[in-house]
Amino acid sequence: MKVVLFCGGLGTRLREHSDVIPKPLVNVGRRPIIWHLMRYYAHFGHRDFILALGYRGEMIREYFLHYNECLSNDFTLSEGGKRVELHNQDIQDWRITFVDTGMHSNIGQRLMKVRHHLEGEEAFLANYSDGLSDLPLDDMLTDFRAKGAVASFASVRSSQSFHLVNASPDGRVERIGPMRDDSVMINGATSRCGARSSTTSTRARNSWSSPSVA
């Protein structure tokens, strides 16, 4: 199943990094966020990626064009450096399509601009390029297919520390408490979409999220 990753946002919530590099290339440990995310999907057998690029997209292209397996895997060097034998490989079986989807496009518009790469697909996966999780993807795909939905996404409880307030119509506070203790769920990003999703996004391209700034 193909995986669409939205990599074009301005990364304003990581401004100390995104002024220099795009958010997908911010390191988690020794490797960028997007590498970890793609490894996650590859673990479940999904290795055909479509990167919807925008802000500093050329840096993401350059990262993969100059990817050196020796920097992240064990290898044996011999013959005075003329022979390199890799003992593991990361991305050899990945297929990555790089698509410029515009600097200020919203998510719906980015999906529209990669739609032709999804032709013939019964379904596809989509995520923000920083949507790391330990989601049991196989279980969620099974549930998605069983329900015959057009699209589905993961929702999670917020880990934010701010509080929610419930008030009466006259402004009297009835309850205040941490958001993490409330029943409110937020978008956990990981999405599974049927083939109709990329066509129905024609109607949503101007309303599915404001221009990407996250």
N, C-alpha and C. Protein backbone atom coordinates (compact mmCIF):
# COMPACT_ATOMS: atom_id res chain seq x y z
N MET A 1 0.84 -1.19 0.00
CA MET A 1 0.00 0.00 0.00
C MET A 1 0.88 1.25 0.00
N LYS A 2 0.54 2.22 -0.85
CA LYS A 2 1.33 3.44 -0.92
C LYS A 2 1.10 4.32 0.31
N VAL A 3 2.12 5.09 0.64
CA VAL A 3 2.08 5.95 1.83
C VAL A 3 2.36 7.39 1.40
N VAL A 4 1.40 8.28 1.60
CA VAL A 4 1.58 9.70 1.31
C VAL A 4 1.99 10.41 2.60
N LEU A 5 3.12 11.10 2.56
CA LEU A 5 3.59 11.84 3.73
C LEU A 5 3.62 13.33 3.38
N PHE A 6 2.93 14.13 4.18
CA PHE A 6 2.84 15.57 3.95
C PHE A 6 4.03 16.26 4.59
N CYS A 7 4.94 16.74 3.73
CA CYS A 7 6.23 17.28 4.20
C CYS A 7 6.38 18.77 3.93
N GLY A 8 5.29 19.46 3.62
CA GLY A 8 5.44 20.82 3.11
C GLY A 8 5.19 21.95 4.08
N GLY A 9 4.81 21.66 5.34
CA GLY A 9 4.49 22.72 6.29
C GLY A 9 5.69 23.58 6.65
N LEU A 10 5.40 24.75 7.19
CA LEU A 10 6.46 25.69 7.55
C LEU A 10 7.12 25.35 8.88
N GLY A 11 6.53 24.46 9.67
CA GLY A 11 7.15 24.02 10.92
C GLY A 11 7.26 25.11 11.96
N THR A 12 6.23 25.95 12.08
CA THR A 12 6.31 27.09 12.99
C THR A 12 6.44 26.69 14.46
N ARG A 13 5.95 25.50 14.82
CA ARG A 13 6.05 25.08 16.22
C ARG A 13 7.45 24.58 16.56
N LEU A 14 8.29 24.45 15.55
CA LEU A 14 9.70 24.09 15.77
C LEU A 14 10.58 25.17 15.17
N ARG A 15 10.22 26.42 15.41
CA ARG A 15 10.88 27.54 14.73
C ARG A 15 12.38 27.55 14.94
N GLU A 16 12.86 27.12 16.11
CA GLU A 16 14.31 27.15 16.35
C GLU A 16 15.05 26.21 15.41
N HIS A 17 14.34 25.20 14.87
CA HIS A 17 14.95 24.29 13.89
C HIS A 17 14.53 24.64 12.46
N SER A 18 13.23 24.94 12.27
CA SER A 18 12.70 25.05 10.92
C SER A 18 13.15 26.31 10.19
N ASP A 19 13.78 27.26 10.89
CA ASP A 19 14.39 28.37 10.18
C ASP A 19 15.58 27.91 9.35
N VAL A 20 16.13 26.75 9.73
CA VAL A 20 17.34 26.24 9.07
C VAL A 20 17.02 25.01 8.22
N ILE A 21 16.25 24.08 8.76
CA ILE A 21 15.90 22.86 8.05
C ILE A 21 14.39 22.63 8.17
N PRO A 22 13.79 21.87 7.24
CA PRO A 22 12.37 21.57 7.36
C PRO A 22 12.13 20.59 8.51
N LYS A 23 10.95 20.66 9.09
CA LYS A 23 10.64 19.82 10.26
C LYS A 23 10.88 18.33 10.02
N PRO A 24 10.58 17.76 8.84
CA PRO A 24 10.83 16.33 8.65
C PRO A 24 12.30 15.93 8.84
N LEU A 25 13.22 16.89 8.73
CA LEU A 25 14.64 16.57 8.86
C LEU A 25 15.20 16.86 10.26
N VAL A 26 14.36 17.29 11.19
CA VAL A 26 14.82 17.47 12.56
C VAL A 26 15.15 16.10 13.15
N ASN A 27 16.30 15.98 13.76
CA ASN A 27 16.75 14.68 14.25
C ASN A 27 16.01 14.23 15.50
N VAL A 28 15.71 12.95 15.54
CA VAL A 28 15.31 12.24 16.75
C VAL A 28 16.41 11.20 16.96
N GLY A 29 17.26 11.43 17.94
CA GLY A 29 18.46 10.62 18.03
C GLY A 29 19.42 11.02 16.93
N ARG A 30 19.90 10.06 16.17
CA ARG A 30 20.88 10.34 15.12
C ARG A 30 20.26 10.50 13.74
N ARG A 31 18.94 10.29 13.63
CA ARG A 31 18.31 10.30 12.32
C ARG A 31 17.09 11.21 12.32
N PRO A 32 16.70 11.74 11.16
CA PRO A 32 15.57 12.68 11.10
C PRO A 32 14.23 12.00 11.35
N ILE A 33 13.25 12.81 11.76
CA ILE A 33 11.92 12.32 12.06
C ILE A 33 11.37 11.50 10.90
N ILE A 34 11.51 12.00 9.68
CA ILE A 34 10.89 11.32 8.54
C ILE A 34 11.49 9.93 8.33
N TRP A 35 12.76 9.75 8.63
CA TRP A 35 13.38 8.42 8.51
C TRP A 35 12.72 7.45 9.47
N HIS A 36 12.52 7.86 10.71
CA HIS A 36 11.87 6.99 11.69
C HIS A 36 10.45 6.65 11.25
N LEU A 37 9.73 7.64 10.71
CA LEU A 37 8.36 7.40 10.28
C LEU A 37 8.30 6.41 9.12
N MET A 38 9.19 6.57 8.17
CA MET A 38 9.21 5.66 7.03
C MET A 38 9.62 4.25 7.45
N ARG A 39 10.51 4.15 8.41
CA ARG A 39 10.88 2.84 8.95
C ARG A 39 9.69 2.17 9.62
N TYR A 40 8.86 2.97 10.27
CA TYR A 40 7.65 2.45 10.91
C TYR A 40 6.75 1.80 9.86
N TYR A 41 6.48 2.51 8.77
CA TYR A 41 5.63 1.94 7.73
C TYR A 41 6.29 0.74 7.06
N ALA A 42 7.60 0.83 6.84
CA ALA A 42 8.31 -0.29 6.21
C ALA A 42 8.23 -1.54 7.07
N HIS A 43 8.22 -1.37 8.39
CA HIS A 43 8.10 -2.50 9.31
C HIS A 43 6.81 -3.29 9.05
N PHE A 44 5.75 -2.59 8.63
CA PHE A 44 4.47 -3.24 8.35
C PHE A 44 4.33 -3.61 6.87
N GLY A 45 5.42 -3.46 6.12
CA GLY A 45 5.42 -3.88 4.73
C GLY A 45 5.03 -2.83 3.72
N HIS A 46 4.89 -1.59 4.14
CA HIS A 46 4.50 -0.51 3.24
C HIS A 46 5.73 0.32 2.91
N ARG A 47 6.28 0.12 1.73
CA ARG A 47 7.58 0.71 1.38
C ARG A 47 7.53 1.60 0.13
N ASP A 48 6.34 1.92 -0.33
CA ASP A 48 6.19 2.77 -1.52
C ASP A 48 5.68 4.13 -1.03
N PHE A 49 6.59 5.11 -0.99
CA PHE A 49 6.29 6.40 -0.37
C PHE A 49 6.12 7.51 -1.41
N ILE A 50 5.21 8.42 -1.11
CA ILE A 50 5.04 9.64 -1.90
C ILE A 50 5.22 10.81 -0.94
N LEU A 51 6.26 11.60 -1.16
CA LEU A 51 6.54 12.74 -0.29
C LEU A 51 5.98 14.01 -0.93
N ALA A 52 4.97 14.59 -0.28
CA ALA A 52 4.36 15.84 -0.76
C ALA A 52 5.17 17.00 -0.20
N LEU A 53 6.06 17.55 -1.02
CA LEU A 53 7.03 18.54 -0.56
C LEU A 53 6.51 19.96 -0.68
N GLY A 54 7.11 20.85 0.10
CA GLY A 54 6.81 22.27 0.03
C GLY A 54 7.98 23.05 0.56
N TYR A 55 7.86 23.57 1.80
CA TYR A 55 8.89 24.38 2.42
C TYR A 55 10.21 23.62 2.52
N ARG A 56 11.26 24.19 1.93
CA ARG A 56 12.60 23.60 1.91
C ARG A 56 12.59 22.13 1.43
N GLY A 57 11.75 21.87 0.46
CA GLY A 57 11.67 20.52 -0.09
C GLY A 57 12.95 20.03 -0.71
N GLU A 58 13.76 20.98 -1.22
CA GLU A 58 15.03 20.58 -1.85
C GLU A 58 15.97 19.92 -0.84
N MET A 59 15.86 20.27 0.43
CA MET A 59 16.73 19.67 1.44
C MET A 59 16.33 18.22 1.70
N ILE A 60 15.04 17.92 1.61
CA ILE A 60 14.58 16.54 1.76
C ILE A 60 15.04 15.71 0.56
N ARG A 61 14.95 16.29 -0.63
CA ARG A 61 15.45 15.59 -1.82
C ARG A 61 16.94 15.28 -1.66
N GLU A 62 17.70 16.28 -1.23
CA GLU A 62 19.14 16.10 -1.09
C GLU A 62 19.49 15.06 -0.04
N TYR A 63 18.73 15.01 1.05
CA TYR A 63 19.00 14.03 2.10
C TYR A 63 18.95 12.61 1.54
N PHE A 64 17.92 12.32 0.75
CA PHE A 64 17.79 10.96 0.23
C PHE A 64 18.69 10.71 -0.98
N LEU A 65 18.93 11.74 -1.79
CA LEU A 65 19.84 11.57 -2.93
C LEU A 65 21.25 11.25 -2.47
N HIS A 66 21.64 11.78 -1.30
CA HIS A 66 23.00 11.56 -0.79
C HIS A 66 23.00 10.61 0.41
N TYR A 67 21.96 9.81 0.53
CA TYR A 67 21.85 8.90 1.67
C TYR A 67 22.99 7.88 1.63
N ASN A 68 23.67 7.74 2.74
CA ASN A 68 24.80 6.82 2.83
C ASN A 68 24.48 5.73 3.85
N GLU A 69 24.25 4.52 3.37
CA GLU A 69 23.89 3.40 4.24
C GLU A 69 24.99 3.12 5.28
N CYS A 70 26.22 3.45 4.95
CA CYS A 70 27.33 3.15 5.87
C CYS A 70 27.27 3.98 7.15
N LEU A 71 26.58 5.10 7.10
CA LEU A 71 26.53 5.97 8.27
C LEU A 71 25.54 5.47 9.32
N SER A 72 24.67 4.55 8.96
CA SER A 72 23.67 4.06 9.91
C SER A 72 23.64 2.54 10.03
N ASN A 73 24.58 1.87 9.38
CA ASN A 73 24.61 0.41 9.45
C ASN A 73 26.04 -0.09 9.65
N ASP A 74 26.17 -1.28 10.20
CA ASP A 74 27.48 -1.91 10.35
C ASP A 74 28.01 -2.32 8.98
N PHE A 75 29.30 -2.21 8.80
CA PHE A 75 29.90 -2.62 7.53
C PHE A 75 31.35 -3.04 7.76
N THR A 76 31.90 -3.73 6.78
CA THR A 76 33.30 -4.15 6.81
C THR A 76 34.04 -3.47 5.66
N LEU A 77 35.13 -2.83 5.99
CA LEU A 77 35.96 -2.13 5.00
C LEU A 77 37.20 -2.98 4.72
N SER A 78 37.53 -3.15 3.44
CA SER A 78 38.70 -3.96 3.08
C SER A 78 39.34 -3.40 1.82
N GLU A 79 40.45 -3.99 1.45
CA GLU A 79 41.20 -3.60 0.25
C GLU A 79 41.54 -2.12 0.27
N GLY A 80 41.97 -1.67 1.45
CA GLY A 80 42.39 -0.28 1.58
C GLY A 80 41.28 0.72 1.33
N GLY A 81 40.04 0.33 1.59
CA GLY A 81 38.90 1.23 1.41
C GLY A 81 38.21 1.07 0.07
N LYS A 82 38.71 0.17 -0.78
CA LYS A 82 38.10 -0.01 -2.10
C LYS A 82 36.83 -0.87 -2.04
N ARG A 83 36.74 -1.69 -1.00
CA ARG A 83 35.59 -2.60 -0.88
C ARG A 83 34.85 -2.33 0.43
N VAL A 84 33.56 -2.15 0.34
CA VAL A 84 32.70 -1.94 1.50
C VAL A 84 31.60 -2.99 1.49
N GLU A 85 31.53 -3.76 2.56
CA GLU A 85 30.51 -4.81 2.67
C GLU A 85 29.52 -4.43 3.78
N LEU A 86 28.32 -4.07 3.38
CA LEU A 86 27.28 -3.70 4.35
C LEU A 86 26.69 -4.95 4.99
N HIS A 87 26.49 -4.89 6.30
CA HIS A 87 25.88 -6.02 7.01
C HIS A 87 24.37 -5.82 7.21
N ASN A 88 23.90 -4.60 7.06
CA ASN A 88 22.48 -4.28 7.13
C ASN A 88 22.21 -3.15 6.15
N GLN A 89 20.96 -2.99 5.77
CA GLN A 89 20.58 -1.87 4.90
C GLN A 89 19.23 -1.32 5.35
N ASP A 90 19.07 -0.01 5.19
CA ASP A 90 17.84 0.66 5.64
C ASP A 90 16.81 0.82 4.54
N ILE A 91 17.21 1.42 3.43
CA ILE A 91 16.22 1.90 2.47
C ILE A 91 16.34 1.26 1.09
N GLN A 92 17.09 0.18 0.98
CA GLN A 92 17.31 -0.44 -0.32
C GLN A 92 16.00 -0.85 -1.01
N ASP A 93 15.03 -1.30 -0.22
CA ASP A 93 13.77 -1.77 -0.82
C ASP A 93 12.66 -0.73 -0.72
N TRP A 94 13.04 0.54 -0.45
CA TRP A 94 12.04 1.61 -0.45
C TRP A 94 11.92 2.22 -1.85
N ARG A 95 10.71 2.62 -2.19
CA ARG A 95 10.48 3.38 -3.42
C ARG A 95 9.93 4.73 -2.98
N ILE A 96 10.61 5.82 -3.36
CA ILE A 96 10.24 7.15 -2.87
C ILE A 96 9.99 8.07 -4.05
N THR A 97 8.78 8.63 -4.11
CA THR A 97 8.42 9.60 -5.14
C THR A 97 8.38 10.98 -4.50
N PHE A 98 9.11 11.92 -5.08
CA PHE A 98 9.20 13.28 -4.56
C PHE A 98 8.34 14.21 -5.42
N VAL A 99 7.37 14.89 -4.80
CA VAL A 99 6.45 15.74 -5.56
C VAL A 99 6.40 17.13 -4.92
N ASP A 100 6.66 18.16 -5.71
CA ASP A 100 6.53 19.54 -5.24
C ASP A 100 5.06 19.90 -5.22
N THR A 101 4.50 20.13 -4.03
CA THR A 101 3.07 20.43 -3.92
C THR A 101 2.81 21.88 -3.51
N GLY A 102 3.83 22.71 -3.57
CA GLY A 102 3.64 24.13 -3.31
C GLY A 102 4.02 24.55 -1.91
N MET A 103 4.39 25.81 -1.78
CA MET A 103 4.87 26.33 -0.50
C MET A 103 3.74 26.50 0.51
N HIS A 104 2.59 27.00 0.08
CA HIS A 104 1.52 27.37 1.01
C HIS A 104 0.24 26.56 0.81
N SER A 105 0.34 25.40 0.18
CA SER A 105 -0.84 24.56 -0.02
C SER A 105 -1.32 23.97 1.30
N ASN A 106 -2.64 23.75 1.41
CA ASN A 106 -3.14 23.03 2.57
C ASN A 106 -3.10 21.53 2.29
N ILE A 107 -3.54 20.73 3.26
CA ILE A 107 -3.41 19.28 3.11
C ILE A 107 -4.23 18.75 1.94
N GLY A 108 -5.47 19.24 1.79
CA GLY A 108 -6.30 18.81 0.68
C GLY A 108 -5.67 19.12 -0.66
N GLN A 109 -5.07 20.30 -0.78
CA GLN A 109 -4.42 20.69 -2.04
C GLN A 109 -3.20 19.83 -2.32
N ARG A 110 -2.46 19.50 -1.27
CA ARG A 110 -1.28 18.64 -1.46
C ARG A 110 -1.71 17.25 -1.93
N LEU A 111 -2.79 16.73 -1.34
CA LEU A 111 -3.28 15.42 -1.76
C LEU A 111 -3.72 15.44 -3.21
N MET A 112 -4.38 16.51 -3.63
CA MET A 112 -4.79 16.64 -5.02
C MET A 112 -3.59 16.61 -5.97
N LYS A 113 -2.48 17.21 -5.54
CA LYS A 113 -1.31 17.32 -6.41
C LYS A 113 -0.53 16.01 -6.53
N VAL A 114 -0.80 15.05 -5.64
CA VAL A 114 -0.14 13.75 -5.76
C VAL A 114 -1.12 12.68 -6.22
N ARG A 115 -2.36 13.08 -6.48
CA ARG A 115 -3.42 12.10 -6.78
C ARG A 115 -3.07 11.19 -7.94
N HIS A 116 -2.43 11.72 -8.98
CA HIS A 116 -2.12 10.87 -10.14
C HIS A 116 -1.15 9.76 -9.81
N HIS A 117 -0.41 9.88 -8.70
CA HIS A 117 0.48 8.80 -8.28
C HIS A 117 -0.28 7.70 -7.53
N LEU A 118 -1.55 7.93 -7.25
CA LEU A 118 -2.37 6.96 -6.53
C LEU A 118 -3.39 6.26 -7.43
N GLU A 119 -3.34 6.55 -8.72
CA GLU A 119 -4.28 5.94 -9.65
C GLU A 119 -4.14 4.42 -9.63
N GLY A 120 -5.27 3.73 -9.58
CA GLY A 120 -5.26 2.28 -9.57
C GLY A 120 -5.14 1.66 -8.19
N GLU A 121 -4.92 2.51 -7.16
CA GLU A 121 -4.79 2.01 -5.79
C GLU A 121 -6.17 1.85 -5.15
N GLU A 122 -6.40 0.69 -4.53
CA GLU A 122 -7.65 0.47 -3.83
C GLU A 122 -7.74 1.34 -2.58
N ALA A 123 -6.60 1.53 -1.93
CA ALA A 123 -6.53 2.35 -0.72
C ALA A 123 -5.10 2.82 -0.56
N PHE A 124 -4.91 3.83 0.28
CA PHE A 124 -3.56 4.32 0.56
C PHE A 124 -3.50 4.83 1.99
N LEU A 125 -2.28 5.00 2.48
CA LEU A 125 -2.03 5.53 3.82
C LEU A 125 -1.55 6.97 3.70
N ALA A 126 -1.83 7.77 4.71
CA ALA A 126 -1.38 9.16 4.70
C ALA A 126 -1.04 9.59 6.12
N ASN A 127 -0.10 10.51 6.22
CA ASN A 127 0.31 10.97 7.55
C ASN A 127 1.07 12.28 7.40
N TYR A 128 1.10 13.05 8.49
CA TYR A 128 2.03 14.17 8.57
C TYR A 128 3.44 13.59 8.72
N SER A 129 4.43 14.33 8.30
CA SER A 129 5.79 13.79 8.29
C SER A 129 6.41 13.69 9.68
N ASP A 130 5.69 14.17 10.71
CA ASP A 130 6.19 14.02 12.07
C ASP A 130 5.23 13.18 12.92
N GLY A 131 4.34 12.41 12.26
CA GLY A 131 3.32 11.65 12.97
C GLY A 131 3.81 10.32 13.50
N LEU A 132 4.86 10.34 14.32
CA LEU A 132 5.41 9.10 14.87
C LEU A 132 4.47 8.52 15.92
N SER A 133 4.34 7.19 15.94
CA SER A 133 3.53 6.53 16.95
C SER A 133 3.92 5.06 17.01
N ASP A 134 3.33 4.35 17.98
CA ASP A 134 3.49 2.90 18.05
C ASP A 134 2.15 2.24 17.72
N LEU A 135 1.37 2.87 16.88
CA LEU A 135 0.07 2.39 16.48
C LEU A 135 0.16 1.00 15.87
N PRO A 136 -0.69 0.05 16.28
CA PRO A 136 -0.71 -1.29 15.65
C PRO A 136 -1.37 -1.19 14.27
N LEU A 137 -0.61 -0.85 13.26
CA LEU A 137 -1.15 -0.48 11.96
C LEU A 137 -1.95 -1.60 11.31
N ASP A 138 -1.49 -2.84 11.42
CA ASP A 138 -2.21 -3.96 10.81
C ASP A 138 -3.62 -4.09 11.39
N ASP A 139 -3.74 -3.92 12.71
CA ASP A 139 -5.06 -4.02 13.35
C ASP A 139 -5.99 -2.91 12.86
N MET A 140 -5.44 -1.71 12.70
CA MET A 140 -6.27 -0.59 12.27
C MET A 140 -6.69 -0.74 10.81
N LEU A 141 -5.83 -1.31 9.97
CA LEU A 141 -6.20 -1.55 8.58
C LEU A 141 -7.30 -2.61 8.48
N THR A 142 -7.21 -3.63 9.33
CA THR A 142 -8.24 -4.67 9.35
C THR A 142 -9.59 -4.07 9.73
N ASP A 143 -9.58 -3.20 10.73
CA ASP A 143 -10.81 -2.55 11.17
C ASP A 143 -11.36 -1.62 10.09
N PHE A 144 -10.48 -0.92 9.42
CA PHE A 144 -10.87 0.00 8.34
C PHE A 144 -11.58 -0.76 7.22
N ARG A 145 -11.01 -1.89 6.81
CA ARG A 145 -11.60 -2.67 5.73
C ARG A 145 -12.93 -3.28 6.15
N ALA A 146 -13.00 -3.74 7.38
CA ALA A 146 -14.22 -4.37 7.87
C ALA A 146 -15.40 -3.41 7.88
N LYS A 147 -15.13 -2.13 8.13
CA LYS A 147 -16.21 -1.14 8.23
C LYS A 147 -16.57 -0.52 6.89
N GLY A 148 -15.77 -0.78 5.86
CA GLY A 148 -16.08 -0.24 4.54
C GLY A 148 -16.11 1.27 4.49
N ALA A 149 -15.29 1.92 5.30
CA ALA A 149 -15.27 3.39 5.36
C ALA A 149 -14.52 3.99 4.18
N VAL A 150 -14.82 5.25 3.88
CA VAL A 150 -14.07 5.99 2.87
C VAL A 150 -12.69 6.34 3.41
N ALA A 151 -12.64 6.73 4.68
CA ALA A 151 -11.36 7.09 5.31
C ALA A 151 -11.50 6.95 6.82
N SER A 152 -10.38 6.78 7.48
CA SER A 152 -10.37 6.74 8.94
C SER A 152 -9.07 7.35 9.43
N PHE A 153 -9.03 7.73 10.70
CA PHE A 153 -7.81 8.27 11.27
C PHE A 153 -7.73 7.91 12.74
N ALA A 154 -6.54 7.99 13.29
CA ALA A 154 -6.33 7.69 14.70
C ALA A 154 -6.61 8.92 15.54
N SER A 155 -7.39 8.76 16.60
CA SER A 155 -7.60 9.86 17.54
C SER A 155 -7.02 9.46 18.89
N VAL A 156 -6.45 10.43 19.58
CA VAL A 156 -5.75 10.15 20.84
C VAL A 156 -6.12 11.21 21.87
N ARG A 157 -5.91 10.89 23.12
CA ARG A 157 -6.07 11.89 24.17
C ARG A 157 -4.85 12.81 24.15
N SER A 158 -5.08 14.08 24.36
CA SER A 158 -3.99 15.05 24.34
C SER A 158 -3.10 14.89 25.57
N SER A 159 -1.81 15.05 25.36
CA SER A 159 -0.86 15.02 26.47
C SER A 159 -0.51 16.43 26.95
N GLN A 160 -1.19 17.43 26.39
CA GLN A 160 -0.90 18.82 26.74
C GLN A 160 -1.24 19.10 28.21
N SER A 161 -0.54 20.04 28.79
CA SER A 161 -0.70 20.32 30.22
C SER A 161 -1.75 21.38 30.52
N PHE A 162 -2.33 22.02 29.49
CA PHE A 162 -3.29 23.08 29.78
C PHE A 162 -4.62 22.49 30.26
N HIS A 163 -5.48 23.34 30.80
CA HIS A 163 -6.73 22.92 31.41
C HIS A 163 -7.94 23.33 30.56
N LEU A 164 -9.00 22.55 30.66
CA LEU A 164 -10.27 22.87 30.02
C LEU A 164 -11.25 23.39 31.06
N VAL A 165 -12.07 24.34 30.63
CA VAL A 165 -13.06 24.94 31.52
C VAL A 165 -14.45 24.70 30.95
N ASN A 166 -15.35 24.19 31.78
CA ASN A 166 -16.77 24.10 31.44
C ASN A 166 -17.49 25.20 32.19
N ALA A 167 -18.30 25.98 31.48
CA ALA A 167 -19.00 27.11 32.10
C ALA A 167 -20.47 27.09 31.71
N SER A 168 -21.28 27.62 32.57
CA SER A 168 -22.71 27.74 32.30
C SER A 168 -22.94 28.90 31.34
N PRO A 169 -24.14 29.01 30.76
CA PRO A 169 -24.44 30.12 29.82
C PRO A 169 -24.20 31.50 30.41
N ASP A 170 -24.32 31.64 31.74
CA ASP A 170 -24.11 32.96 32.33
C ASP A 170 -22.66 33.20 32.75
N GLY A 171 -21.76 32.25 32.37
CA GLY A 171 -20.34 32.44 32.64
C GLY A 171 -19.84 31.86 33.94
N ARG A 172 -20.70 31.16 34.67
CA ARG A 172 -20.27 30.58 35.95
C ARG A 172 -19.48 29.29 35.68
N VAL A 173 -18.27 29.21 36.23
CA VAL A 173 -17.42 28.03 36.02
C VAL A 173 -18.02 26.84 36.76
N GLU A 174 -18.23 25.75 36.01
CA GLU A 174 -18.80 24.53 36.59
C GLU A 174 -17.75 23.45 36.80
N ARG A 175 -16.71 23.52 35.99
CA ARG A 175 -15.66 22.51 36.11
C ARG A 175 -14.39 23.01 35.45
N ILE A 176 -13.25 22.70 36.06
CA ILE A 176 -11.96 22.98 35.45
C ILE A 176 -11.04 21.81 35.75
N GLY A 177 -10.32 21.35 34.73
CA GLY A 177 -9.45 20.20 34.93
C GLY A 177 -8.49 20.01 33.78
N PRO A 178 -7.45 19.20 33.97
CA PRO A 178 -6.45 18.96 32.92
C PRO A 178 -7.09 18.36 31.67
N MET A 179 -6.65 18.79 30.52
CA MET A 179 -7.20 18.27 29.26
C MET A 179 -6.97 16.78 29.15
N ARG A 180 -5.84 16.30 29.65
CA ARG A 180 -5.53 14.87 29.53
C ARG A 180 -6.51 14.00 30.30
N ASP A 181 -7.25 14.59 31.27
CA ASP A 181 -8.23 13.83 32.04
C ASP A 181 -9.63 13.93 31.44
N ASP A 182 -9.76 14.69 30.37
CA ASP A 182 -11.06 14.91 29.77
C ASP A 182 -11.31 13.86 28.68
N SER A 183 -12.53 13.79 28.21
CA SER A 183 -12.88 12.83 27.16
C SER A 183 -12.58 13.37 25.76
N VAL A 184 -12.09 14.59 25.66
CA VAL A 184 -11.78 15.19 24.37
C VAL A 184 -10.66 14.41 23.68
N MET A 185 -10.86 14.09 22.41
CA MET A 185 -9.85 13.39 21.62
C MET A 185 -9.35 14.34 20.53
N ILE A 186 -8.09 14.20 20.14
CA ILE A 186 -7.52 15.02 19.08
C ILE A 186 -7.04 14.14 17.95
N ASN A 187 -6.84 14.74 16.79
CA ASN A 187 -6.38 14.02 15.61
C ASN A 187 -4.97 13.48 15.85
N GLY A 188 -4.81 12.17 15.76
CA GLY A 188 -3.50 11.56 15.93
C GLY A 188 -2.74 11.41 14.63
N ALA A 189 -3.28 11.96 13.54
CA ALA A 189 -2.62 12.11 12.25
C ALA A 189 -2.72 10.88 11.35
N THR A 190 -2.31 9.69 11.81
CA THR A 190 -2.25 8.54 10.91
C THR A 190 -3.60 8.26 10.29
N SER A 191 -3.65 8.23 8.96
CA SER A 191 -4.92 8.05 8.25
C SER A 191 -4.82 6.89 7.28
N ARG A 192 -5.96 6.25 7.04
CA ARG A 192 -6.09 5.22 6.03
C ARG A 192 -7.24 5.65 5.14
N CYS A 193 -7.01 5.67 3.84
CA CYS A 193 -8.00 6.23 2.93
C CYS A 193 -8.30 5.25 1.81
N GLY A 194 -9.61 5.13 1.46
CA GLY A 194 -10.00 4.37 0.29
C GLY A 194 -9.77 5.17 -0.96
N ALA A 195 -9.93 4.52 -2.10
CA ALA A 195 -9.65 5.18 -3.38
C ALA A 195 -10.50 6.43 -3.57
N ARG A 196 -11.72 6.43 -3.04
CA ARG A 196 -12.61 7.58 -3.22
C ARG A 196 -12.09 8.83 -2.50
N SER A 197 -11.21 8.65 -1.53
CA SER A 197 -10.76 9.79 -0.73
C SER A 197 -10.03 10.81 -1.57
N SER A 198 -9.20 10.35 -2.52
CA SER A 198 -8.42 11.30 -3.32
C SER A 198 -9.29 11.99 -4.36
N THR A 199 -10.45 11.42 -4.69
CA THR A 199 -11.34 12.08 -5.63
C THR A 199 -12.28 13.03 -4.90
N THR A 200 -12.78 12.62 -3.73
CA THR A 200 -13.66 13.51 -2.98
C THR A 200 -12.90 14.70 -2.43
N SER A 201 -11.58 14.62 -2.38
CA SER A 201 -10.81 15.77 -1.89
C SER A 201 -10.89 16.95 -2.85
N THR A 202 -11.43 16.73 -4.06
CA THR A 202 -11.65 17.86 -4.97
C THR A 202 -12.53 18.89 -4.30
N ARG A 203 -13.57 18.43 -3.60
CA ARG A 203 -14.46 19.35 -2.89
C ARG A 203 -13.79 19.94 -1.66
N ALA A 204 -12.84 19.17 -1.10
CA ALA A 204 -12.25 19.59 0.17
C ALA A 204 -10.96 20.38 0.02
N ARG A 205 -10.46 20.52 -1.19
CA ARG A 205 -9.12 21.07 -1.35
C ARG A 205 -9.00 22.50 -0.84
N ASN A 206 -10.12 23.22 -0.82
CA ASN A 206 -10.07 24.58 -0.31
C ASN A 206 -10.53 24.70 1.14
N SER A 207 -10.93 23.56 1.75
CA SER A 207 -11.44 23.64 3.11
C SER A 207 -10.77 22.67 4.07
N TRP A 208 -10.00 21.71 3.57
CA TRP A 208 -9.34 20.74 4.41
C TRP A 208 -8.07 21.35 4.97
N SER A 209 -8.19 21.99 6.10
CA SER A 209 -7.10 22.64 6.80
C SER A 209 -6.72 23.95 6.10
N SER A 210 -6.26 24.89 6.87
CA SER A 210 -5.74 26.12 6.32
C SER A 210 -4.35 25.85 5.78
N PRO A 211 -3.73 26.78 5.03
CA PRO A 211 -2.38 26.56 4.53
C PRO A 211 -1.45 26.06 5.63
N SER A 212 -0.61 25.10 5.25
CA SER A 212 0.19 24.38 6.24
C SER A 212 1.18 25.29 6.96
N VAL A 213 1.09 25.33 8.28
CA VAL A 213 2.04 26.09 9.06
C VAL A 213 2.66 25.27 10.17
N ALA A 214 2.13 24.06 10.42
CA ALA A 214 2.61 23.25 11.53
C ALA A 214 3.97 22.66 11.25
